[in-house]
Protein backbone atom coordinates (compact mmCIF):
# COMPACT_ATOMS: atom_id res chain seq x y z
CA MET A 1 -90.90 128.14 113.64
CA SER A 2 -89.28 128.98 117.00
CA GLY A 3 -91.87 130.70 119.51
CA ILE A 4 -94.82 130.02 117.28
CA ARG A 5 -98.47 130.61 118.42
CA VAL A 6 -100.86 128.14 117.21
CA PHE A 7 -104.54 128.39 117.63
CA ILE A 8 -106.09 124.91 117.58
CA ASP A 9 -109.55 124.42 116.00
CA ALA A 10 -111.88 121.73 117.49
CA ASP A 11 -111.54 119.49 114.67
CA CYS A 12 -107.82 119.19 115.71
CA LEU A 13 -108.74 118.08 119.17
CA HIS A 14 -111.00 115.42 118.41
CA LYS A 15 -108.77 112.53 117.44
CA LEU A 16 -106.79 111.13 120.42
CA TYR A 17 -103.24 110.57 118.52
CA LEU A 18 -103.32 113.94 116.93
CA ARG A 19 -104.48 115.75 120.22
CA THR A 20 -101.86 113.96 122.21
CA LEU A 21 -99.07 114.37 119.56
CA LEU A 22 -99.88 118.17 119.25
CA LEU A 23 -100.07 118.69 123.20
CA THR A 24 -96.54 116.66 123.30
CA LEU A 25 -95.06 119.07 120.83
CA SER A 26 -95.91 121.83 123.08
CA GLY A 27 -93.57 120.39 125.58
CA SER A 28 -90.80 121.47 123.24
CA GLY A 29 -91.13 125.19 124.30
CA ASP A 30 -91.09 126.25 120.80
CA ILE A 31 -95.11 126.05 120.24
CA HIS A 32 -97.67 127.63 122.36
CA PHE A 33 -101.18 126.28 121.39
CA LEU A 34 -104.10 128.40 121.95
CA TRP A 35 -107.77 127.91 122.21
CA THR A 36 -110.97 129.34 123.35
CA ARG A 37 -113.52 127.69 125.92
CA GLU A 38 -116.02 127.42 123.10
CA VAL A 39 -113.41 125.69 120.93
CA PHE A 40 -112.56 123.21 123.70
CA GLU A 41 -116.23 122.64 124.76
CA GLU A 42 -117.17 121.87 120.94
CA ALA A 43 -114.45 119.24 120.74
CA ARG A 44 -115.20 117.63 124.15
CA LYS A 45 -119.14 117.61 123.37
CA SER A 46 -118.35 116.08 119.91
CA LEU A 47 -116.46 113.31 121.54
CA VAL A 48 -119.01 112.72 124.16
CA ALA A 49 -121.70 112.39 121.34
CA ARG A 50 -119.73 109.71 119.75
CA PHE A 51 -118.72 108.02 122.82
CA PRO A 52 -121.23 108.59 125.39
CA GLU A 53 -120.22 105.57 127.59
CA ASP A 54 -116.66 107.61 128.13
CA SER A 55 -118.30 111.07 128.97
CA GLU A 56 -117.02 111.17 132.51
CA LYS A 57 -113.57 110.07 131.28
CA LEU A 58 -113.64 112.55 128.42
CA ARG A 59 -114.60 115.41 130.85
CA LEU A 60 -111.68 114.47 133.16
CA LYS A 61 -109.24 114.14 130.39
CA PHE A 62 -110.13 117.86 129.09
CA ASP A 63 -110.20 119.11 132.62
CA LEU A 64 -106.75 117.88 133.06
CA ILE A 65 -105.52 119.40 129.56
CA LYS A 66 -106.91 122.61 130.77
CA THR A 67 -105.46 122.54 134.07
CA HIS A 68 -101.95 121.75 132.60
CA PHE A 69 -102.21 124.38 129.73
CA TYR A 70 -103.84 126.90 131.94
CA GLY A 71 -102.56 130.09 130.17
CA ASN A 72 -103.77 128.80 126.56
CA GLU A 73 -107.19 129.92 126.85
CA VAL A 74 -107.97 133.10 124.59
CA LYS A 75 -110.67 135.32 126.16
CA GLY A 76 -112.24 138.50 124.87
CA TYR A 77 -112.63 137.57 121.22
CA GLN A 78 -116.38 137.68 121.01
CA TRP A 79 -116.54 141.21 119.85
CA LEU A 80 -114.93 140.10 116.54
CA ILE A 81 -117.69 137.43 115.77
CA GLY A 82 -119.85 138.53 112.92
CA THR A 83 -117.22 140.97 111.44
CA LEU A 84 -114.75 138.37 109.83
CA GLY A 85 -116.66 137.15 106.63
CA CYS A 86 -116.37 133.51 107.33
CA ARG A 87 -118.63 131.10 104.87
CA ASP A 88 -119.97 129.57 108.06
CA LEU A 89 -120.96 132.00 111.00
CA ASN A 90 -120.34 128.93 113.28
CA ASP A 91 -116.37 129.45 112.25
CA GLU A 92 -116.38 133.04 113.24
CA HIS A 93 -115.65 132.25 116.88
CA VAL A 94 -112.39 129.93 115.72
CA LEU A 95 -111.02 132.88 113.61
CA ALA A 96 -111.86 135.49 116.29
CA GLY A 97 -110.11 133.37 118.84
CA ALA A 98 -106.96 133.13 116.65
CA ILE A 99 -106.98 136.85 116.09
CA GLN A 100 -107.50 138.04 119.50
CA GLY A 101 -104.80 135.53 120.72
CA LYS A 102 -102.25 137.00 118.40
CA ALA A 103 -101.76 133.43 116.86
CA ASP A 104 -99.25 133.06 114.01
CA VAL A 105 -101.09 129.77 112.70
CA LEU A 106 -104.71 128.59 112.80
CA LEU A 107 -104.49 124.83 112.90
CA THR A 108 -107.64 123.34 111.26
CA PHE A 109 -108.70 120.42 108.62
CA ASN A 110 -111.34 123.16 107.31
CA LEU A 111 -109.13 125.35 105.41
CA ARG A 112 -111.76 126.62 102.86
CA ASP A 113 -113.66 127.86 105.77
CA PHE A 114 -111.54 131.02 106.38
CA PRO A 115 -111.54 133.88 103.88
CA LYS A 116 -107.99 135.18 103.12
CA ASP A 117 -108.96 138.86 103.21
CA SER A 118 -110.08 138.54 106.94
CA LEU A 119 -106.80 136.52 108.26
CA GLN A 120 -104.79 139.78 109.42
CA GLY A 121 -101.71 137.93 108.60
CA LEU A 122 -102.65 134.65 110.37
CA ARG A 123 -101.58 131.67 108.26
CA VAL A 124 -104.33 128.82 108.10
CA MET A 125 -102.52 125.31 107.96
CA HIS A 126 -103.71 121.81 107.86
CA PRO A 127 -102.25 119.88 110.61
CA ASP A 128 -100.39 117.68 108.39
CA SER A 129 -98.56 120.67 106.83
CA PHE A 130 -97.91 122.13 110.04
CA LEU A 131 -96.49 118.94 111.54
CA SER A 132 -94.19 118.43 108.56
CA LEU A 133 -92.88 121.68 108.52
CA TRP A 134 -92.16 121.75 112.16
CA LEU A 135 -90.61 118.35 112.07
CA GLU A 136 -88.40 119.39 109.13
CA ASN A 137 -87.33 122.47 110.79
CA LYS A 138 -86.81 120.86 114.25
CA PRO A 139 -85.65 117.11 113.55
CA GLN A 140 -83.80 116.80 116.90
CA GLU A 141 -86.80 118.17 118.60
CA GLY A 142 -89.31 116.21 116.53
CA ILE A 143 -87.56 112.89 117.37
CA GLN A 144 -87.61 113.62 121.16
CA ALA A 145 -91.21 114.86 120.98
CA ILE A 146 -92.29 111.64 118.70
CA SER A 147 -90.44 109.49 121.25
CA LYS A 148 -92.26 111.30 124.08
CA TRP A 149 -95.67 110.82 122.31
CA LEU A 150 -95.13 106.85 121.78
CA ALA A 151 -94.23 106.70 125.39
CA ARG A 152 -97.66 108.03 126.41
CA PHE A 153 -99.32 104.93 124.88
CA ALA A 154 -97.93 102.38 127.36
CA ASN A 155 -101.19 100.46 127.94
CA PRO A 156 -101.35 99.15 125.38
CA PRO A 157 -98.18 100.21 123.69
CA ILE A 158 -97.79 101.29 120.16
CA GLU A 159 -94.76 100.96 118.17
CA ALA A 160 -93.40 103.27 115.68
CA ASN A 161 -94.84 101.63 112.57
CA LEU A 162 -98.23 101.33 114.03
CA ALA A 163 -98.12 104.88 115.34
CA CYS A 164 -97.40 106.10 111.65
CA LEU A 165 -100.39 104.18 110.44
CA LEU A 166 -102.46 105.88 113.08
CA VAL A 167 -101.08 109.31 112.13
CA GLN A 168 -101.92 108.54 108.35
CA LYS A 169 -105.33 107.54 109.35
CA ASN A 170 -105.67 110.78 111.06
CA ARG A 171 -105.40 112.44 107.58
CA LEU A 172 -101.63 113.20 108.15
CA PRO A 173 -99.79 111.41 105.51
CA LYS A 174 -96.83 113.93 104.98
CA ALA A 175 -96.22 113.55 108.99
CA ARG A 176 -95.90 109.81 108.72
CA SER A 177 -92.88 110.04 106.55
CA PHE A 178 -91.01 111.27 109.44
CA HIS A 179 -90.99 107.98 111.17
CA LYS A 180 -88.13 106.82 109.17
CA GLU A 181 -85.87 108.93 111.11
CA THR A 182 -87.52 108.12 114.54
CA PRO A 183 -85.93 105.33 116.52
CA SER A 184 -88.01 102.55 117.88
CA ARG A 185 -88.45 102.28 121.69
CA ASP A 186 -85.60 99.65 121.39
CA GLN A 187 -83.03 102.29 119.91
CA SER A 188 -81.87 105.16 121.49
CA PRO A 189 -81.00 108.35 119.33
CA ASP A 190 -77.19 109.04 118.83
């Protein structure tokens, strides 16, 4: 899975632990995540609706992500909207962004929403399947990325077992099993 281009649907950006894990994995250099402004705003607005008291904090967080991952925004995809045959017209912009961005994978929890005959070689994957496959193919990089991911949660700190429960709670049961190979903060990899 070297040099893979992955378009992230808004539903993968909603959950703090999943979003942080995905963005941490991009630091490996093997994964280039993509999104459109529309997808990014959809995720941000959804979080603000759920946590209105944190709206400014969320705006700043998403602005930081956009700044750090400056070249990840796909543009010029609008011409495809309405031509792809998605079950829900509101999903057309996601598939259009993935196709325009020349993504290898579309990462989403909504697998059924994207018709196979409109994918143009794009692979639609659940985040759990994607993470499990990546971690199996890149175990050393996976251990390093998960260690960095755990370190990002210093206040309050989370240990590997709690992190695995959080991953499972975020509908990622396969990725949870990888923790057996991940050292705790007290251990260092060989």
